[in-house]
């Protein structure tokens, strides 16, 4: 069985309205990641994925779902740990990282790449779900074979 570990997809075939939706989601996601970065930077003893429980995940006041906030917290932990590891020998150069709101690393709990069976225009659809609180909010974006995948 072939397991896809990561993938990059182009959104150049996505409509403007879906791109606007994604822009709003990405902007809010970036704000939440930056809130978590600041929290974990000031509380390094809590920068552990094992400790990501409700009290930490609920820190930011946002409309994002708890599932997506947890993904944002994981990304923030990775960014803080990577920065501290990189500059451990030169602490004077160590600066708190900043999420630039231009990408989102999501897990399979949020996103799914579904192969297209009904259309020949696109090879797959990127489904992003569980985005907002108390809604069945989902975005579907078309992708073509230009996607590069890393398998295990």
N, C-alpha and C. Protein backbone atom coordinates (compact mmCIF):
# COMPACT_ATOMS: atom_id res chain seq x y z
N UNK A 1 0.84 -1.18 0.00
CA UNK A 1 0.00 0.00 0.00
C UNK A 1 0.88 1.24 0.00
N UNK A 2 0.56 2.18 -0.86
CA UNK A 2 1.32 3.42 -0.97
C UNK A 2 0.66 4.49 -0.12
N UNK A 3 1.42 5.09 0.78
CA UNK A 3 0.92 6.11 1.69
C UNK A 3 1.52 7.45 1.31
N UNK A 4 0.67 8.43 1.00
CA UNK A 4 1.15 9.77 0.66
C UNK A 4 1.40 10.53 1.95
N UNK A 5 2.65 10.93 2.18
CA UNK A 5 3.03 11.63 3.41
C UNK A 5 2.84 13.14 3.29
N UNK A 6 3.11 13.68 2.12
CA UNK A 6 2.91 15.11 1.93
C UNK A 6 2.70 15.38 0.45
N UNK A 7 2.11 16.51 0.18
CA UNK A 7 1.85 16.88 -1.21
C UNK A 7 1.82 18.40 -1.34
N UNK A 8 2.19 18.88 -2.51
CA UNK A 8 2.09 20.30 -2.83
C UNK A 8 1.16 20.39 -4.03
N UNK A 9 0.21 21.28 -3.94
CA UNK A 9 -0.75 21.44 -5.03
C UNK A 9 -0.86 22.89 -5.43
N UNK A 10 -0.99 23.09 -6.72
CA UNK A 10 -1.19 24.44 -7.25
C UNK A 10 -2.68 24.76 -7.21
N UNK A 11 -2.99 25.98 -6.86
CA UNK A 11 -4.38 26.43 -6.82
C UNK A 11 -4.70 27.33 -8.01
N UNK A 12 -3.92 27.25 -9.08
CA UNK A 12 -4.13 28.17 -10.20
C UNK A 12 -5.43 27.93 -10.96
N UNK A 13 -6.09 26.79 -10.74
CA UNK A 13 -7.35 26.52 -11.40
C UNK A 13 -8.55 26.84 -10.51
N UNK A 14 -8.30 27.35 -9.34
CA UNK A 14 -9.36 27.67 -8.38
C UNK A 14 -10.02 29.00 -8.75
N UNK A 15 -11.33 29.06 -8.56
CA UNK A 15 -12.07 30.28 -8.87
C UNK A 15 -11.69 31.41 -7.91
N UNK A 16 -11.97 32.65 -8.33
CA UNK A 16 -11.64 33.81 -7.49
C UNK A 16 -12.38 33.78 -6.16
N UNK A 17 -13.62 33.34 -6.16
CA UNK A 17 -14.39 33.31 -4.91
C UNK A 17 -13.78 32.31 -3.92
N UNK A 18 -13.33 31.16 -4.42
CA UNK A 18 -12.69 30.19 -3.53
C UNK A 18 -11.32 30.69 -3.06
N UNK A 19 -10.61 31.38 -3.94
CA UNK A 19 -9.33 31.97 -3.54
C UNK A 19 -9.53 33.03 -2.47
N UNK A 20 -10.61 33.79 -2.57
CA UNK A 20 -10.92 34.79 -1.53
C UNK A 20 -11.23 34.10 -0.21
N UNK A 21 -12.01 33.01 -0.27
CA UNK A 21 -12.30 32.25 0.95
C UNK A 21 -11.02 31.72 1.58
N UNK A 22 -10.15 31.15 0.73
CA UNK A 22 -8.88 30.62 1.24
C UNK A 22 -8.01 31.73 1.82
N UNK A 23 -8.04 32.89 1.22
CA UNK A 23 -7.27 34.03 1.73
C UNK A 23 -7.74 34.43 3.12
N UNK A 24 -9.05 34.45 3.33
CA UNK A 24 -9.61 34.78 4.64
C UNK A 24 -9.22 33.72 5.67
N UNK A 25 -9.34 32.45 5.29
CA UNK A 25 -8.97 31.35 6.18
C UNK A 25 -7.49 31.43 6.52
N UNK A 26 -6.65 31.62 5.51
CA UNK A 26 -5.20 31.67 5.71
C UNK A 26 -4.78 32.85 6.57
N UNK A 27 -5.44 33.97 6.40
CA UNK A 27 -5.14 35.15 7.22
C UNK A 27 -5.46 34.88 8.69
N UNK A 28 -6.63 34.32 8.95
CA UNK A 28 -7.01 34.01 10.34
C UNK A 28 -6.10 32.93 10.92
N UNK A 29 -5.77 31.92 10.10
CA UNK A 29 -4.88 30.85 10.54
C UNK A 29 -3.51 31.42 10.93
N UNK A 30 -2.98 32.34 10.11
CA UNK A 30 -1.70 32.96 10.42
C UNK A 30 -1.73 33.75 11.71
N UNK A 31 -2.83 34.47 11.94
CA UNK A 31 -2.97 35.22 13.20
C UNK A 31 -2.95 34.27 14.40
N UNK A 32 -3.65 33.15 14.26
CA UNK A 32 -3.71 32.17 15.36
C UNK A 32 -2.34 31.54 15.58
N UNK A 33 -1.64 31.20 14.51
CA UNK A 33 -0.29 30.63 14.66
C UNK A 33 0.61 31.63 15.38
N UNK A 34 0.52 32.90 15.03
CA UNK A 34 1.36 33.91 15.70
C UNK A 34 1.01 34.08 17.18
N UNK A 35 -0.26 33.92 17.53
CA UNK A 35 -0.65 33.95 18.95
C UNK A 35 0.00 32.78 19.68
N UNK A 36 -0.06 31.60 19.06
CA UNK A 36 0.56 30.43 19.68
C UNK A 36 2.08 30.57 19.74
N UNK A 37 2.69 31.12 18.71
CA UNK A 37 4.15 31.31 18.73
C UNK A 37 4.54 32.17 19.92
N UNK A 38 3.82 33.27 20.11
CA UNK A 38 4.12 34.16 21.24
C UNK A 38 3.94 33.42 22.57
N UNK A 39 2.88 32.64 22.68
CA UNK A 39 2.63 31.90 23.92
C UNK A 39 3.74 30.89 24.19
N UNK A 40 4.11 30.10 23.18
CA UNK A 40 5.13 29.07 23.38
C UNK A 40 6.53 29.68 23.52
N UNK A 41 6.76 30.84 22.94
CA UNK A 41 8.04 31.52 23.09
C UNK A 41 8.23 31.96 24.53
N UNK A 42 7.15 32.47 25.12
CA UNK A 42 7.21 32.94 26.51
C UNK A 42 7.06 31.81 27.52
N UNK A 43 6.51 30.67 27.10
CA UNK A 43 6.31 29.51 27.97
C UNK A 43 6.93 28.27 27.32
N UNK A 44 8.26 28.21 27.23
CA UNK A 44 8.89 27.09 26.51
C UNK A 44 8.62 25.72 27.13
N UNK A 45 8.31 25.69 28.42
CA UNK A 45 8.00 24.42 29.08
C UNK A 45 6.68 23.83 28.58
N UNK A 46 5.82 24.63 27.95
CA UNK A 46 4.53 24.16 27.43
C UNK A 46 4.58 23.89 25.93
N UNK A 47 5.74 24.09 25.31
CA UNK A 47 5.88 23.87 23.87
C UNK A 47 6.09 22.39 23.57
N UNK A 48 5.04 21.63 23.80
CA UNK A 48 5.06 20.20 23.55
C UNK A 48 3.73 19.78 22.95
N UNK A 49 3.78 18.99 21.91
CA UNK A 49 2.55 18.55 21.25
C UNK A 49 1.72 17.64 22.16
N UNK A 50 2.38 17.00 23.10
CA UNK A 50 1.68 16.14 24.06
C UNK A 50 0.79 16.97 24.99
N UNK A 51 1.19 18.22 25.26
CA UNK A 51 0.45 19.08 26.19
C UNK A 51 -0.64 19.92 25.51
N UNK A 52 -0.91 19.65 24.23
CA UNK A 52 -1.92 20.43 23.52
C UNK A 52 -3.33 19.97 23.89
N UNK A 53 -3.77 20.44 25.04
CA UNK A 53 -5.10 20.11 25.52
C UNK A 53 -6.00 21.34 25.38
N UNK A 54 -7.24 21.19 25.74
CA UNK A 54 -8.26 22.22 25.54
C UNK A 54 -7.85 23.59 26.08
N UNK A 55 -7.26 23.64 27.27
CA UNK A 55 -6.91 24.94 27.85
C UNK A 55 -5.91 25.72 27.01
N UNK A 56 -5.02 25.03 26.32
CA UNK A 56 -4.05 25.71 25.45
C UNK A 56 -4.66 25.99 24.07
N UNK A 57 -5.36 25.03 23.52
CA UNK A 57 -5.96 25.18 22.20
C UNK A 57 -6.99 26.31 22.19
N UNK A 58 -7.63 26.57 23.31
CA UNK A 58 -8.66 27.62 23.41
C UNK A 58 -8.10 29.01 23.71
N UNK A 59 -6.79 29.18 23.73
CA UNK A 59 -6.19 30.49 24.04
C UNK A 59 -6.62 31.58 23.05
N UNK A 60 -6.48 31.37 21.73
CA UNK A 60 -6.87 32.45 20.83
C UNK A 60 -8.39 32.60 20.72
N UNK A 61 -8.85 33.83 20.65
CA UNK A 61 -10.27 34.10 20.43
C UNK A 61 -10.47 34.20 18.92
N UNK A 62 -10.97 33.13 18.32
CA UNK A 62 -11.08 33.04 16.87
C UNK A 62 -12.29 32.22 16.47
N UNK A 63 -12.68 32.35 15.23
CA UNK A 63 -13.79 31.56 14.70
C UNK A 63 -13.32 30.22 14.14
N UNK A 64 -12.01 29.97 14.14
CA UNK A 64 -11.49 28.69 13.64
C UNK A 64 -11.92 27.55 14.56
N UNK A 65 -12.11 26.39 13.98
CA UNK A 65 -12.51 25.22 14.77
C UNK A 65 -11.38 24.79 15.70
N UNK A 66 -11.72 24.04 16.73
CA UNK A 66 -10.72 23.54 17.67
C UNK A 66 -9.71 22.65 16.95
N UNK A 67 -10.18 21.91 15.96
CA UNK A 67 -9.31 21.03 15.19
C UNK A 67 -8.24 21.85 14.44
N UNK A 68 -8.66 22.94 13.80
CA UNK A 68 -7.71 23.76 13.06
C UNK A 68 -6.82 24.57 14.01
N UNK A 69 -7.34 24.98 15.17
CA UNK A 69 -6.50 25.67 16.16
C UNK A 69 -5.40 24.73 16.66
N UNK A 70 -5.72 23.46 16.81
CA UNK A 70 -4.72 22.49 17.26
C UNK A 70 -3.64 22.31 16.20
N UNK A 71 -4.02 22.29 14.94
CA UNK A 71 -3.05 22.22 13.85
C UNK A 71 -2.16 23.46 13.87
N UNK A 72 -2.76 24.63 14.10
CA UNK A 72 -1.99 25.88 14.17
C UNK A 72 -1.01 25.85 15.35
N UNK A 73 -1.45 25.31 16.47
CA UNK A 73 -0.57 25.21 17.64
C UNK A 73 0.61 24.28 17.36
N UNK A 74 0.36 23.19 16.65
CA UNK A 74 1.45 22.27 16.29
C UNK A 74 2.47 22.96 15.39
N UNK A 75 1.96 23.73 14.43
CA UNK A 75 2.88 24.45 13.55
C UNK A 75 3.69 25.48 14.34
N UNK A 76 3.06 26.16 15.28
CA UNK A 76 3.75 27.14 16.11
C UNK A 76 4.85 26.47 16.94
N UNK A 77 4.54 25.33 17.52
CA UNK A 77 5.54 24.60 18.31
C UNK A 77 6.73 24.24 17.43
N UNK A 78 6.47 23.74 16.22
CA UNK A 78 7.56 23.39 15.30
C UNK A 78 8.41 24.61 14.96
N UNK A 79 7.77 25.75 14.74
CA UNK A 79 8.52 26.97 14.40
C UNK A 79 9.37 27.45 15.56
N UNK A 80 8.83 27.41 16.77
CA UNK A 80 9.58 27.86 17.96
C UNK A 80 10.75 26.93 18.23
N UNK A 81 10.52 25.64 18.19
CA UNK A 81 11.59 24.67 18.45
C UNK A 81 12.69 24.78 17.38
N UNK A 82 12.30 24.92 16.11
CA UNK A 82 13.29 25.04 15.03
C UNK A 82 14.14 26.29 15.20
N UNK A 83 13.52 27.40 15.57
CA UNK A 83 14.28 28.64 15.77
C UNK A 83 15.25 28.51 16.93
N UNK A 84 14.78 27.96 18.04
CA UNK A 84 15.66 27.82 19.21
C UNK A 84 16.78 26.84 18.93
N UNK A 85 16.51 25.79 18.17
CA UNK A 85 17.55 24.81 17.83
C UNK A 85 18.59 25.44 16.89
N UNK A 86 18.11 26.21 15.94
CA UNK A 86 19.02 26.82 14.96
C UNK A 86 19.97 27.81 15.60
N UNK A 87 19.49 28.59 16.56
CA UNK A 87 20.30 29.65 17.15
C UNK A 87 20.78 29.34 18.56
N UNK A 88 20.79 28.06 18.95
CA UNK A 88 21.20 27.72 20.31
C UNK A 88 22.66 28.10 20.60
N UNK A 89 23.50 28.10 19.56
CA UNK A 89 24.90 28.47 19.75
C UNK A 89 25.13 29.98 19.69
N UNK A 90 24.15 30.72 19.17
CA UNK A 90 24.25 32.18 19.06
C UNK A 90 22.95 32.80 19.59
N UNK A 91 22.75 32.76 20.90
CA UNK A 91 21.48 33.24 21.47
C UNK A 91 21.20 34.72 21.19
N UNK A 92 22.22 35.51 20.91
CA UNK A 92 22.00 36.93 20.62
C UNK A 92 21.24 37.13 19.31
N UNK A 93 21.34 36.16 18.41
CA UNK A 93 20.66 36.26 17.11
C UNK A 93 19.25 35.65 17.15
N UNK A 94 18.90 35.03 18.25
CA UNK A 94 17.61 34.36 18.35
C UNK A 94 16.47 35.38 18.43
N UNK A 95 15.54 35.29 17.49
CA UNK A 95 14.40 36.18 17.41
C UNK A 95 13.14 35.32 17.27
N UNK A 96 12.08 35.74 17.93
CA UNK A 96 10.82 35.00 17.85
C UNK A 96 10.35 34.92 16.40
N UNK A 97 10.03 33.71 15.92
CA UNK A 97 9.58 33.57 14.53
C UNK A 97 8.21 34.20 14.31
N UNK A 98 7.89 34.48 13.06
CA UNK A 98 6.61 35.07 12.69
C UNK A 98 6.04 34.28 11.51
N UNK A 99 4.79 33.89 11.63
CA UNK A 99 4.10 33.23 10.52
C UNK A 99 3.64 34.32 9.56
N UNK A 100 3.94 34.15 8.28
CA UNK A 100 3.67 35.20 7.29
C UNK A 100 2.31 35.04 6.61
N UNK A 101 1.49 34.13 7.07
CA UNK A 101 0.12 33.94 6.54
C UNK A 101 0.09 33.57 5.07
N UNK A 102 1.11 32.89 4.57
CA UNK A 102 1.10 32.53 3.16
C UNK A 102 1.06 31.03 2.90
N UNK A 103 1.03 30.22 3.94
CA UNK A 103 0.90 28.78 3.78
C UNK A 103 0.30 28.17 5.03
N UNK A 104 -0.21 26.97 4.87
CA UNK A 104 -0.84 26.29 5.99
C UNK A 104 -0.45 24.81 5.89
N UNK A 105 0.12 24.30 6.96
CA UNK A 105 0.43 22.88 7.03
C UNK A 105 -0.72 22.21 7.75
N UNK A 106 -1.47 21.41 7.04
CA UNK A 106 -2.64 20.80 7.65
C UNK A 106 -2.50 19.29 7.68
N UNK A 107 -3.14 18.68 8.64
CA UNK A 107 -3.11 17.24 8.77
C UNK A 107 -4.29 16.62 8.04
N UNK A 108 -4.34 15.32 8.05
CA UNK A 108 -5.45 14.62 7.39
C UNK A 108 -6.76 14.82 8.13
N UNK A 109 -6.73 15.41 9.31
CA UNK A 109 -7.98 15.71 10.02
C UNK A 109 -8.67 16.94 9.44
N UNK A 110 -7.96 17.73 8.66
CA UNK A 110 -8.49 18.96 8.08
C UNK A 110 -8.60 18.85 6.56
N UNK A 111 -7.60 18.30 5.90
CA UNK A 111 -7.56 18.30 4.44
C UNK A 111 -7.45 16.88 3.89
N UNK A 112 -7.96 16.74 2.66
CA UNK A 112 -7.95 15.45 1.99
C UNK A 112 -7.79 15.70 0.50
N UNK A 113 -6.97 14.92 -0.16
CA UNK A 113 -6.80 15.00 -1.60
C UNK A 113 -7.58 13.85 -2.22
N UNK A 114 -8.66 14.19 -2.93
CA UNK A 114 -9.56 13.18 -3.48
C UNK A 114 -9.38 13.12 -4.99
N UNK A 115 -9.05 11.94 -5.50
CA UNK A 115 -8.87 11.78 -6.93
C UNK A 115 -10.19 12.01 -7.65
N UNK A 116 -10.12 12.68 -8.79
CA UNK A 116 -11.31 13.02 -9.57
C UNK A 116 -11.66 11.86 -10.49
N UNK A 117 -12.89 11.39 -10.40
CA UNK A 117 -13.35 10.28 -11.24
C UNK A 117 -14.36 10.74 -12.28
N UNK A 118 -15.01 11.88 -12.03
CA UNK A 118 -16.10 12.32 -12.89
C UNK A 118 -15.68 13.35 -13.94
N UNK A 119 -14.54 13.95 -13.79
CA UNK A 119 -14.13 15.00 -14.73
C UNK A 119 -12.73 14.73 -15.24
N UNK A 120 -12.48 15.17 -16.47
CA UNK A 120 -11.14 15.00 -17.04
C UNK A 120 -10.32 16.29 -16.96
N UNK A 121 -10.98 17.39 -16.56
CA UNK A 121 -10.27 18.66 -16.48
C UNK A 121 -9.28 18.71 -15.32
N UNK A 122 -9.60 18.03 -14.22
CA UNK A 122 -8.77 18.05 -13.03
C UNK A 122 -8.47 16.63 -12.59
N UNK A 123 -7.31 16.44 -11.99
CA UNK A 123 -6.91 15.12 -11.53
C UNK A 123 -7.38 14.83 -10.12
N UNK A 124 -7.52 15.88 -9.32
CA UNK A 124 -7.91 15.69 -7.92
C UNK A 124 -8.57 16.95 -7.39
N UNK A 125 -9.21 16.81 -6.24
CA UNK A 125 -9.82 17.93 -5.53
C UNK A 125 -9.21 17.97 -4.14
N UNK A 126 -8.80 19.14 -3.73
CA UNK A 126 -8.32 19.35 -2.37
C UNK A 126 -9.52 19.77 -1.53
N UNK A 127 -9.92 18.92 -0.60
CA UNK A 127 -11.04 19.22 0.31
C UNK A 127 -10.46 19.70 1.62
N UNK A 128 -10.87 20.87 2.04
CA UNK A 128 -10.47 21.40 3.35
C UNK A 128 -11.75 21.55 4.16
N UNK A 129 -11.82 20.84 5.27
CA UNK A 129 -13.04 20.83 6.08
C UNK A 129 -12.72 21.12 7.54
N UNK A 130 -13.73 21.19 8.38
CA UNK A 130 -13.58 21.48 9.81
C UNK A 130 -12.81 22.77 10.02
N UNK A 131 -13.21 23.79 9.28
CA UNK A 131 -12.49 25.06 9.30
C UNK A 131 -13.00 25.98 10.40
N UNK A 132 -14.32 26.17 10.44
CA UNK A 132 -14.91 27.13 11.37
C UNK A 132 -15.70 26.49 12.47
N UNK A 133 -15.93 27.24 13.52
CA UNK A 133 -16.73 26.77 14.66
C UNK A 133 -18.20 26.64 14.29
N UNK A 134 -18.81 25.58 14.74
CA UNK A 134 -20.25 25.37 14.65
C UNK A 134 -20.82 25.49 13.24
N UNK A 135 -20.04 25.19 12.23
CA UNK A 135 -20.56 25.20 10.87
C UNK A 135 -20.01 24.01 10.11
N UNK A 136 -20.67 23.67 9.05
CA UNK A 136 -20.17 22.61 8.16
C UNK A 136 -19.47 23.29 6.99
N UNK A 137 -18.45 24.03 7.27
CA UNK A 137 -17.73 24.84 6.30
C UNK A 137 -16.69 23.97 5.60
N UNK A 138 -16.74 23.93 4.26
CA UNK A 138 -15.79 23.13 3.49
C UNK A 138 -15.43 23.89 2.22
N UNK A 139 -14.17 23.80 1.83
CA UNK A 139 -13.71 24.40 0.59
C UNK A 139 -13.15 23.27 -0.27
N UNK A 140 -13.56 23.25 -1.54
CA UNK A 140 -13.05 22.26 -2.48
C UNK A 140 -12.33 22.98 -3.60
N UNK A 141 -11.06 22.64 -3.80
CA UNK A 141 -10.24 23.30 -4.82
C UNK A 141 -9.72 22.26 -5.82
N UNK A 142 -9.82 22.55 -7.13
CA UNK A 142 -9.32 21.61 -8.13
C UNK A 142 -7.80 21.67 -8.26
N UNK A 143 -7.18 20.53 -8.56
CA UNK A 143 -5.74 20.48 -8.78
C UNK A 143 -5.45 19.60 -9.99
N UNK A 144 -4.29 19.80 -10.58
CA UNK A 144 -3.86 19.00 -11.72
C UNK A 144 -2.62 18.18 -11.35
N UNK A 145 -2.16 17.34 -12.27
CA UNK A 145 -1.04 16.45 -12.00
C UNK A 145 0.27 17.15 -11.70
N UNK A 146 0.32 18.44 -11.76
CA UNK A 146 1.52 19.18 -11.42
C UNK A 146 1.87 19.04 -9.95
N UNK A 147 0.98 18.38 -9.19
CA UNK A 147 1.21 18.19 -7.76
C UNK A 147 2.39 17.25 -7.58
N UNK A 148 3.28 17.60 -6.69
CA UNK A 148 4.39 16.70 -6.35
C UNK A 148 4.06 16.04 -5.03
N UNK A 149 4.32 14.76 -4.94
CA UNK A 149 3.98 14.02 -3.73
C UNK A 149 5.20 13.28 -3.20
N UNK A 150 5.30 13.19 -1.87
CA UNK A 150 6.34 12.41 -1.23
C UNK A 150 5.68 11.22 -0.59
N UNK A 151 6.07 10.03 -0.94
CA UNK A 151 5.41 8.83 -0.43
C UNK A 151 6.30 8.07 0.53
N UNK A 152 5.65 7.22 1.29
CA UNK A 152 6.34 6.28 2.19
C UNK A 152 5.91 4.89 1.87
